[in-house]
Amino acid sequence: MIERSAKSAVKEWLSNGKDAFLLTGARQIGKTYLIRQCLKENEYPYLELNFIEQPELIEIFSGAKNAKELLMRLSLVAGKTLEKGKTIIFLDEIQEFKDIVTRIKFLVEEGSFRYIMSGSLLGVELNDLRSAPVGYMRIYDMYPLGFKEFARAVGVGTDILELLENNFKNRIPIDDYVHTKMLDVFYLYLIIGGMPEAVDTYVKTNDLAKVAQVHEKIIRLYKKDFSKYEVRYKLKLREIYDAMPGQLDQKNKRFQLNSIEKGISYDRVANDFLWLKDAGVVIPVYNVSEPKLPLVINENRNLFKLFFSDVGLLTSCYSNQVKISILNKDRSINNGALFENVVAQELLTKGHREYYFNSKKQGELDFVVELDGKAVPLEIKSGKDYKRHSALNNVLKNADYNISEAYIFSEGNIEVNDKRVYMPIYMIMFLDNTKLDNTIYRLDIAGLGSLGSGL
């Protein structure tokens, strides 16, 4: 059974949540399965309603004038007794009936039941899904399996992962045997990726051809979604998506608008890119004019790299022979795009706002993030010459940037050289901001109270 990190958030809500809960994310990442699993494991009585499989529900519920009437219709549809204070209502695929989100406040206030929901991020629908009244619904974003989840799924022990995390934190080189095996797991992740059905298929069969069939099915499903919106909103979603593998294979991975239409301006297609981002299908990494805090002030949204939401969907565009060559670590294959795609995924799931920096004078940094209150460059190297990084050297020498540390992720082992911290590529799974133990701040305004009547 594949264990997901999102499970703890769902279980925590089941234990003490009084508000509604929305688990959201791209299609096919296991949201419905996870909610069912948590409800069954904890033996909660629940009613599941799916607005795609049961479209008639939309008409039934949309006619309700208030919470009382909606609950009456809910009881009739259930066909069974709903226990007040016990039964949990699971509303699936709610993007098909966005109005349910606006009614959540009244259903929560009424208090008869608790409500957990799942919704896919289908572009323009997302804004409406997130417009529920504050305080009545919590939202948790779910993603494909990260590398740590994948490693667990294929059999890497928790004790090994804890050992690796300790090495990461204390910057202790990893045992050579463990290091080699973890690189094998990482290269397998490049092919399988983190879509739950693909991972489950591999775990059960070890058959890469069957995994490829899963990837093809998911991409067909995505493109079917694209077609619904391309016609309605005159978007170029398919053209952008199909152009991405070629764009990422270039030395300069910045997305070139000319690849979809010559002479086109960003303003004309900005909504297309936003749709794909909001749908959880792509990950944009925007340019910053300087690698200095706050990074968001230096952001340039007209320049960006565009990564796949899952590295397995990227490699599904490759031939089977190329996939085997990747697994065999064939040096003739350039894995730079795949390595960077994994890093983009990991940074997103950990809540980092990710950027890249490019300067004609200094060169390009693959990623720049804010880590523990500092701007930190990340260089991603897939070859043996991972200690050659002229752009990073230039940036570290620039006193204006005041960069105290940079990470280089590669196939090499852990090593520290002045401001340069070399880490194995799989260690990206541990690049988190340090959690603050104390966020209480008390303002001292002694002497600024009332002046009294003596003045």
Protein backbone atom coordinates (compact mmCIF):
# COMPACT_ATOMS: atom_id res chain seq x y z
CA MET A 1 0.00 0.00 0.00
CA ILE A 2 1.35 3.41 -0.98
CA GLU A 3 1.57 5.76 1.99
CA ARG A 4 1.01 9.44 1.18
CA SER A 5 2.22 12.44 3.16
CA ALA A 6 -1.22 14.05 2.71
CA LYS A 7 -2.70 11.25 4.81
CA SER A 8 -1.66 12.90 8.07
CA ALA A 9 -3.56 16.09 7.13
CA VAL A 10 -6.75 14.13 6.36
CA LYS A 11 -6.47 12.07 9.56
CA GLU A 12 -5.84 15.17 11.65
CA TRP A 13 -9.02 16.73 10.28
CA LEU A 14 -10.98 13.54 10.91
CA SER A 15 -9.81 13.58 14.53
CA ASN A 16 -10.79 17.12 15.46
CA GLY A 17 -11.84 19.19 12.45
CA LYS A 18 -15.07 21.15 12.85
CA ASP A 19 -14.81 22.97 9.53
CA ALA A 20 -15.10 21.43 6.06
CA PHE A 21 -12.02 19.95 4.38
CA LEU A 22 -11.08 20.17 0.69
CA LEU A 23 -8.35 17.94 -0.74
CA THR A 24 -7.40 19.33 -4.10
CA GLY A 25 -4.84 18.77 -6.82
CA ALA A 26 -4.37 17.55 -10.39
CA ARG A 27 -6.30 14.66 -11.89
CA GLN A 28 -5.16 11.10 -11.14
CA ILE A 29 -3.00 11.81 -8.08
CA GLY A 30 -5.02 9.63 -5.68
CA LYS A 31 -7.23 12.12 -3.82
CA THR A 32 -10.39 9.99 -3.82
CA TYR A 33 -8.53 6.83 -2.87
CA LEU A 34 -6.79 8.56 0.03
CA ILE A 35 -9.99 9.95 1.52
CA ARG A 36 -11.75 6.58 1.25
CA GLN A 37 -8.75 4.87 2.82
CA CYS A 38 -8.72 7.24 5.81
CA LEU A 39 -12.48 6.96 6.36
CA LYS A 40 -12.39 3.15 6.24
CA GLU A 41 -9.28 2.77 8.40
CA ASN A 42 -10.83 4.92 11.12
CA GLU A 43 -14.24 3.24 10.68
CA TYR A 44 -16.16 6.47 10.18
CA PRO A 45 -19.69 6.07 8.76
CA TYR A 46 -19.76 8.07 5.54
CA LEU A 47 -21.80 8.85 2.46
CA GLU A 48 -19.92 9.31 -0.81
CA LEU A 49 -21.38 11.37 -3.65
CA ASN A 50 -19.55 11.91 -6.96
CA PHE A 51 -20.63 14.82 -9.18
CA ILE A 52 -19.06 13.30 -12.31
CA GLU A 53 -20.46 9.79 -11.91
CA GLN A 54 -23.82 11.16 -10.66
CA PRO A 55 -24.40 14.37 -12.67
CA GLU A 56 -28.07 14.38 -11.73
CA LEU A 57 -26.99 15.44 -8.23
CA ILE A 58 -26.06 18.87 -9.53
CA GLU A 59 -29.63 19.63 -10.56
CA ILE A 60 -31.05 18.11 -7.39
CA PHE A 61 -28.84 20.14 -5.05
CA SER A 62 -28.75 23.38 -7.03
CA GLY A 63 -32.51 23.76 -6.52
CA ALA A 64 -32.17 23.84 -2.73
CA LYS A 65 -32.90 27.31 -1.31
CA ASN A 66 -31.16 26.89 2.05
CA ALA A 67 -29.13 24.46 4.15
CA LYS A 68 -32.23 22.79 5.60
CA GLU A 69 -33.61 22.04 2.14
CA LEU A 70 -30.23 20.87 0.91
CA LEU A 71 -29.94 18.43 3.82
CA MET A 72 -33.42 17.08 3.15
CA ARG A 73 -32.47 16.37 -0.45
CA LEU A 74 -29.19 14.86 0.72
CA SER A 75 -31.07 12.42 2.96
CA LEU A 76 -33.34 11.39 0.10
CA VAL A 77 -30.40 10.80 -2.25
CA ALA A 78 -28.50 8.81 0.40
CA GLY A 79 -31.08 6.05 0.51
CA LYS A 80 -29.96 5.22 4.04
CA THR A 81 -30.10 6.71 7.50
CA LEU A 82 -27.53 9.43 8.10
CA GLU A 83 -26.44 9.62 11.75
CA LYS A 84 -26.28 13.21 12.91
CA GLY A 85 -22.99 14.00 14.56
CA LYS A 86 -21.39 10.82 13.18
CA THR A 87 -21.86 10.44 9.44
CA ILE A 88 -19.28 12.23 7.29
CA ILE A 89 -20.42 13.47 3.89
CA PHE A 90 -17.76 12.90 1.21
CA LEU A 91 -18.38 15.06 -1.86
CA ASP A 92 -16.13 14.03 -4.75
CA GLU A 93 -15.26 15.90 -7.98
CA ILE A 94 -16.81 19.11 -6.66
CA GLN A 95 -15.35 21.17 -9.51
CA GLU A 96 -18.44 19.97 -11.41
CA PHE A 97 -20.68 21.72 -8.87
CA LYS A 98 -18.78 24.76 -7.63
CA ASP A 99 -21.85 26.19 -5.91
CA ILE A 100 -21.50 23.58 -3.17
CA VAL A 101 -18.42 25.44 -1.94
CA THR A 102 -20.31 28.71 -1.49
CA ARG A 103 -22.89 26.83 0.60
CA ILE A 104 -20.35 25.17 2.87
CA LYS A 105 -20.55 27.97 5.43
CA PHE A 106 -24.24 27.31 5.99
CA LEU A 107 -23.84 23.53 6.07
CA VAL A 108 -21.01 23.78 8.61
CA GLU A 109 -22.98 26.23 10.74
CA GLU A 110 -26.03 23.94 10.66
CA GLY A 111 -23.80 21.30 12.27
CA SER A 112 -25.59 18.01 11.57
CA PHE A 113 -22.70 16.50 9.63
CA ARG A 114 -19.08 17.07 8.72
CA TYR A 115 -18.02 17.51 5.10
CA ILE A 116 -14.88 16.35 3.32
CA MET A 117 -14.46 17.13 -0.36
CA SER A 118 -12.19 16.33 -3.26
CA GLY A 119 -11.75 18.43 -6.37
CA SER A 120 -9.47 18.47 -9.38
CA LEU A 121 -7.82 21.73 -10.30
CA LEU A 122 -9.35 22.38 -13.69
CA GLY A 123 -7.91 25.77 -14.48
CA VAL A 124 -10.53 28.51 -14.33
CA GLU A 125 -12.61 26.47 -11.91
CA LEU A 126 -9.93 26.80 -9.24
CA ASN A 127 -10.68 30.41 -8.34
CA ASP A 128 -14.27 29.56 -7.49
CA LEU A 129 -13.26 26.50 -5.46
CA ARG A 130 -11.02 28.65 -3.30
CA SER A 131 -13.58 31.37 -2.65
CA ALA A 132 -15.29 29.67 0.29
CA PRO A 133 -15.80 31.79 3.41
CA VAL A 134 -12.67 31.99 5.55
CA GLY A 135 -12.91 29.87 8.68
CA TYR A 136 -15.40 27.37 7.28
CA MET A 137 -13.16 25.30 5.03
CA ARG A 138 -9.52 24.29 5.10
CA ILE A 139 -7.77 23.44 1.84
CA TYR A 140 -4.92 20.97 1.40
CA ASP A 141 -3.03 20.80 -1.89
CA MET A 142 -1.98 17.29 -2.90
CA TYR A 143 0.67 16.39 -5.48
CA PRO A 144 2.09 13.29 -7.18
CA LEU A 145 4.38 11.20 -4.97
CA GLY A 146 7.56 13.02 -4.03
CA PHE A 147 10.84 11.13 -4.07
CA LYS A 148 10.65 10.17 -0.39
CA GLU A 149 7.15 8.73 -0.84
CA PHE A 150 8.35 6.87 -3.93
CA ALA A 151 11.38 5.47 -2.12
CA ARG A 152 9.12 4.10 0.63
CA ALA A 153 6.77 2.62 -1.97
CA VAL A 154 9.56 0.63 -3.66
CA GLY A 155 10.88 -0.71 -0.36
CA VAL A 156 13.44 1.72 1.06
CA GLY A 157 13.21 1.42 4.83
CA THR A 158 12.26 4.24 7.17
CA ASP A 159 15.52 3.71 9.08
CA ILE A 160 17.53 4.29 5.90
CA LEU A 161 15.61 7.48 5.13
CA GLU A 162 16.17 8.71 8.68
CA LEU A 163 19.88 7.94 8.37
CA LEU A 164 20.05 9.86 5.08
CA GLU A 165 18.25 12.83 6.62
CA ASN A 166 20.75 12.87 9.47
CA ASN A 167 23.60 12.86 6.95
CA PHE A 168 21.93 15.72 5.10
CA LYS A 169 21.50 17.86 8.19
CA ASN A 170 24.99 17.20 9.52
CA ARG A 171 26.65 17.08 6.09
CA ILE A 172 28.21 13.68 6.63
CA PRO A 173 29.19 11.69 3.50
CA ILE A 174 26.96 8.70 2.78
CA ASP A 175 28.17 5.12 2.78
CA ASP A 176 29.18 4.33 -0.83
CA TYR A 177 26.95 1.25 -1.07
CA VAL A 178 23.89 3.13 0.21
CA HIS A 179 24.71 6.07 -2.06
CA THR A 180 24.89 3.84 -5.16
CA LYS A 181 21.62 2.10 -4.32
CA MET A 182 19.82 5.39 -3.70
CA LEU A 183 20.98 6.66 -7.08
CA ASP A 184 19.42 3.51 -8.58
CA VAL A 185 16.15 4.36 -6.84
CA PHE A 186 16.36 7.94 -8.09
CA TYR A 187 16.93 6.88 -11.69
CA LEU A 188 13.95 4.56 -11.43
CA TYR A 189 11.90 7.51 -10.17
CA LEU A 190 12.86 9.43 -13.32
CA ILE A 191 11.06 6.75 -15.35
CA ILE A 192 8.13 5.85 -13.08
CA GLY A 193 7.46 9.28 -11.58
CA GLY A 194 4.92 9.85 -8.83
CA MET A 195 1.49 9.25 -10.31
CA PRO A 196 0.01 6.69 -7.87
CA GLU A 197 -1.33 4.30 -10.51
CA ALA A 198 2.05 4.24 -12.27
CA VAL A 199 3.88 3.56 -9.00
CA ASP A 200 1.39 0.88 -7.97
CA THR A 201 1.68 -0.77 -11.40
CA TYR A 202 5.46 -0.89 -11.10
CA VAL A 203 5.41 -2.22 -7.53
CA LYS A 204 3.03 -5.02 -8.54
CA THR A 205 4.54 -5.95 -11.92
CA ASN A 206 8.00 -4.34 -12.38
CA ASP A 207 6.85 -3.97 -15.99
CA LEU A 208 7.92 -0.66 -17.53
CA ALA A 209 5.70 -1.23 -20.57
CA LYS A 210 2.63 -1.38 -18.33
CA VAL A 211 3.80 1.75 -16.53
CA ALA A 212 4.09 3.48 -19.91
CA GLN A 213 0.47 2.53 -20.65
CA VAL A 214 -0.62 4.21 -17.42
CA HIS A 215 1.27 7.37 -18.36
CA GLU A 216 -0.28 7.42 -21.82
CA LYS A 217 -3.76 7.03 -20.31
CA ILE A 218 -3.20 9.95 -17.94
CA ILE A 219 -1.88 12.23 -20.68
CA ARG A 220 -4.89 11.36 -22.87
CA LEU A 221 -7.14 12.28 -19.95
CA TYR A 222 -5.35 15.60 -19.49
CA LYS A 223 -5.66 16.42 -23.18
CA LYS A 224 -9.34 15.55 -23.09
CA ASP A 225 -9.67 18.15 -20.31
CA PHE A 226 -7.70 20.60 -22.44
CA SER A 227 -10.07 20.19 -25.36
CA LYS A 228 -13.09 21.21 -23.27
CA TYR A 229 -11.48 24.52 -22.34
CA GLU A 230 -9.61 25.24 -25.57
CA VAL A 231 -12.87 25.56 -27.45
CA ARG A 232 -14.68 27.52 -24.74
CA TYR A 233 -11.88 29.96 -23.92
CA LYS A 234 -9.80 29.81 -27.15
CA LEU A 235 -6.71 28.61 -25.32
CA LYS A 236 -3.58 26.91 -26.68
CA LEU A 237 -3.21 24.36 -23.89
CA ARG A 238 -2.35 21.32 -26.01
CA GLU A 239 0.19 23.25 -28.08
CA ILE A 240 2.00 24.45 -24.95
CA TYR A 241 1.94 21.01 -23.33
CA ASP A 242 3.23 19.27 -26.45
CA ALA A 243 6.04 21.84 -26.81
CA MET A 244 7.36 21.35 -23.27
CA PRO A 245 9.61 18.26 -23.74
CA GLY A 246 11.46 19.94 -26.60
CA GLN A 247 11.80 23.17 -24.64
CA LEU A 248 13.24 21.37 -21.61
CA ASP A 249 15.72 19.53 -23.80
CA GLN A 250 17.33 22.83 -24.85
CA LYS A 251 20.43 24.13 -23.10
CA ASN A 252 18.47 27.26 -22.24
CA LYS A 253 15.31 25.78 -20.76
CA ARG A 254 13.39 29.06 -20.73
CA PHE A 255 10.08 28.55 -22.51
CA GLN A 256 10.16 30.09 -25.99
CA LEU A 257 6.79 31.48 -27.06
CA ASN A 258 7.78 31.13 -30.73
CA SER A 259 7.50 27.36 -30.29
CA ILE A 260 3.70 27.69 -30.25
CA GLU A 261 3.27 30.61 -32.65
CA LYS A 262 5.76 32.95 -34.31
CA GLY A 263 5.63 36.53 -33.12
CA ILE A 264 3.13 35.82 -30.33
CA SER A 265 3.31 38.01 -27.21
CA TYR A 266 3.14 36.75 -23.64
CA ASP A 267 0.08 38.89 -22.91
CA ARG A 268 -1.91 36.98 -25.52
CA VAL A 269 -1.25 33.59 -23.92
CA ALA A 270 -0.79 34.49 -20.24
CA ASN A 271 -4.15 32.93 -19.33
CA ASP A 272 -3.14 29.69 -21.04
CA PHE A 273 -0.10 29.29 -18.82
CA LEU A 274 -2.10 30.25 -15.73
CA TRP A 275 -4.72 27.64 -16.61
CA LEU A 276 -2.11 24.90 -16.87
CA LYS A 277 -0.50 25.99 -13.60
CA ASP A 278 -3.82 26.18 -11.73
CA ALA A 279 -4.81 22.79 -13.10
CA GLY A 280 -1.71 21.30 -11.49
CA VAL A 281 -0.45 20.11 -14.88
CA VAL A 282 2.70 22.25 -15.13
CA ILE A 283 5.12 23.97 -12.75
CA PRO A 284 6.31 27.44 -13.81
CA VAL A 285 9.65 28.68 -12.45
CA TYR A 286 9.91 32.43 -12.95
CA ASN A 287 12.97 34.55 -13.57
CA VAL A 288 14.35 36.96 -10.98
CA SER A 289 16.44 39.96 -11.98
CA GLU A 290 18.64 39.53 -8.88
CA PRO A 291 19.16 36.62 -6.45
CA LYS A 292 18.32 38.82 -3.47
CA LEU A 293 15.52 38.87 -0.90
CA PRO A 294 12.66 39.39 -1.19
CA LEU A 295 12.76 37.32 -4.37
CA VAL A 296 9.15 38.08 -5.26
CA ILE A 297 9.99 41.77 -5.79
CA ASN A 298 12.57 40.79 -8.43
CA GLU A 299 10.20 38.39 -10.21
CA ASN A 300 9.71 38.68 -13.97
CA ARG A 301 6.64 36.72 -15.07
CA ASN A 302 7.35 37.15 -18.78
CA LEU A 303 10.38 34.87 -18.47
CA PHE A 304 9.94 31.37 -17.08
CA LYS A 305 10.80 27.70 -17.32
CA LEU A 306 7.91 25.28 -17.57
CA PHE A 307 8.21 21.83 -15.99
CA PHE A 308 5.85 18.85 -15.94
CA SER A 309 3.88 18.23 -12.75
CA ASP A 310 5.38 14.73 -12.72
CA VAL A 311 8.74 13.60 -14.11
CA GLY A 312 7.24 10.26 -15.19
CA LEU A 313 4.88 12.09 -17.55
CA LEU A 314 7.91 13.85 -19.03
CA THR A 315 9.86 10.63 -19.64
CA SER A 316 6.72 9.03 -21.06
CA CYS A 317 7.45 11.20 -24.10
CA TYR A 318 10.76 9.32 -24.58
CA SER A 319 11.19 6.03 -26.43
CA ASN A 320 11.48 2.79 -24.46
CA GLN A 321 15.10 2.48 -25.56
CA VAL A 322 15.94 5.89 -24.12
CA LYS A 323 14.24 4.93 -20.85
CA ILE A 324 16.39 1.80 -20.57
CA SER A 325 19.47 3.90 -21.31
CA ILE A 326 18.49 6.29 -18.51
CA LEU A 327 18.11 3.41 -16.05
CA ASN A 328 21.52 2.09 -17.12
CA LYS A 329 23.01 5.57 -16.52
CA ASP A 330 24.18 5.79 -20.10
CA ARG A 331 26.47 8.84 -20.25
CA SER A 332 25.35 9.65 -23.79
CA ILE A 333 21.91 10.61 -22.40
CA ASN A 334 21.51 14.15 -21.07
CA ASN A 335 19.43 13.88 -17.91
CA GLY A 336 19.61 17.57 -17.06
CA ALA A 337 15.95 18.25 -17.81
CA LEU A 338 14.82 15.23 -15.77
CA PHE A 339 16.94 16.17 -12.77
CA GLU A 340 15.62 19.74 -12.86
CA ASN A 341 12.03 18.53 -13.23
CA VAL A 342 12.35 16.47 -10.04
CA VAL A 343 13.79 19.48 -8.20
CA ALA A 344 10.93 21.69 -9.42
CA GLN A 345 8.43 19.11 -8.11
CA GLU A 346 10.12 18.76 -4.72
CA LEU A 347 10.37 22.51 -4.20
CA LEU A 348 6.68 22.93 -5.03
CA THR A 349 5.50 20.22 -2.65
CA LYS A 350 7.57 21.73 0.16
CA GLY A 351 5.98 25.14 -0.33
CA HIS A 352 9.01 26.90 -1.78
CA ARG A 353 8.47 29.76 -4.23
CA GLU A 354 10.98 28.76 -6.86
CA TYR A 355 12.83 31.00 -9.28
CA TYR A 356 15.83 30.99 -11.60
CA PHE A 357 18.39 33.70 -12.33
CA ASN A 358 19.99 34.54 -15.67
CA SER A 359 22.48 37.27 -16.47
CA LYS A 360 24.52 37.82 -19.64
CA LYS A 361 27.52 38.79 -17.54
CA GLN A 362 27.24 36.20 -14.77
CA GLY A 363 25.43 33.25 -16.32
CA GLU A 364 22.42 31.23 -15.16
CA LEU A 365 21.47 29.68 -11.83
CA ASP A 366 19.08 26.74 -12.22
CA PHE A 367 17.01 27.66 -9.14
CA VAL A 368 16.96 30.29 -6.43
CA VAL A 369 14.82 29.84 -3.31
CA GLU A 370 14.41 31.46 0.06
CA LEU A 371 15.73 29.04 2.68
CA ASP A 372 15.67 29.95 6.36
CA GLY A 373 15.49 33.65 5.57
CA LYS A 374 18.27 33.69 2.97
CA ALA A 375 18.43 33.63 -0.83
CA VAL A 376 20.00 30.28 -1.71
CA PRO A 377 21.06 29.25 -5.25
CA LEU A 378 20.59 25.63 -6.32
CA GLU A 379 22.63 24.19 -9.16
CA ILE A 380 21.49 20.89 -10.67
CA LYS A 381 24.18 18.81 -12.38
CA SER A 382 23.60 15.52 -14.18
CA GLY A 383 27.15 14.92 -15.45
CA LYS A 384 30.50 14.04 -13.91
CA ASP A 385 31.83 17.60 -14.09
CA TYR A 386 29.49 18.80 -11.36
CA LYS A 387 32.20 20.93 -9.76
CA ARG A 388 32.31 23.21 -12.80
CA HIS A 389 29.79 25.99 -12.23
CA SER A 390 31.06 29.34 -13.47
CA ALA A 391 27.73 31.15 -13.04
CA LEU A 392 27.51 30.09 -9.41
CA ASN A 393 31.12 31.17 -8.80
CA ASN A 394 30.33 34.59 -10.30
CA VAL A 395 27.28 35.06 -8.13
CA LEU A 396 29.08 33.98 -4.97
CA LYS A 397 31.80 36.56 -5.65
CA ASN A 398 29.24 39.36 -6.02
CA ALA A 399 29.19 41.20 -2.70
CA ASP A 400 25.89 42.90 -3.58
CA TYR A 401 24.09 39.56 -3.36
CA ASN A 402 25.60 38.59 0.00
CA ILE A 403 24.97 34.88 -0.59
CA SER A 404 26.33 32.81 2.27
CA GLU A 405 25.62 29.34 0.91
CA ALA A 406 24.69 27.47 -2.27
CA TYR A 407 23.73 23.86 -2.96
CA ILE A 408 24.95 21.78 -5.90
CA PHE A 409 22.84 18.63 -6.42
CA SER A 410 24.44 15.91 -8.53
CA GLU A 411 25.40 12.23 -8.50
CA GLY A 412 28.30 13.01 -6.18
CA ASN A 413 28.46 12.40 -2.45
CA ILE A 414 28.16 15.01 0.31
CA GLU A 415 30.99 17.51 0.43
CA VAL A 416 31.38 21.07 1.68
CA ASN A 417 33.77 23.52 0.03
CA ASP A 418 33.54 26.99 1.52
CA LYS A 419 30.07 28.32 0.54
CA ARG A 420 29.41 25.38 -1.80
CA VAL A 421 27.49 22.43 -0.38
CA TYR A 422 27.56 19.38 -2.67
CA MET A 423 24.65 16.99 -2.21
CA PRO A 424 23.45 13.82 -3.96
CA ILE A 425 20.50 14.63 -6.22
CA TYR A 426 18.15 12.43 -4.19
CA MET A 427 18.82 14.58 -1.10
CA ILE A 428 16.53 17.25 -2.57
CA MET A 429 13.80 15.43 -0.63
CA PHE A 430 15.16 16.99 2.59
CA LEU A 431 15.47 20.63 1.47
CA ASP A 432 12.95 22.15 3.89
CA ASN A 433 12.82 25.43 5.70
CA THR A 434 13.56 25.02 9.40
CA LYS A 435 10.32 25.07 11.36
CA LEU A 436 10.12 27.89 13.87
CA ASP A 437 9.53 26.64 17.41
CA ASN A 438 8.39 30.01 18.71
CA THR A 439 6.41 32.45 16.57
CA ILE A 440 5.14 34.55 19.49
CA TYR A 441 6.21 38.19 19.36
CA ARG A 442 5.21 40.60 22.09
CA LEU A 443 5.51 44.31 21.37
CA ASP A 444 7.23 46.36 24.06
CA ILE A 445 5.59 49.82 24.12
CA ALA A 446 6.63 50.75 27.64
CA GLY A 447 6.49 54.50 28.02
CA LEU A 448 4.04 54.98 25.15
CA GLY A 449 0.88 54.62 27.21
CA SER A 450 -1.42 57.48 28.18
CA LEU A 451 0.40 60.69 29.06
CA GLY A 452 -2.11 61.29 31.82
CA SER A 453 -3.64 64.59 32.79
CA GLY A 454 -0.44 66.18 34.04
CA LEU A 455 0.51 67.60 30.65
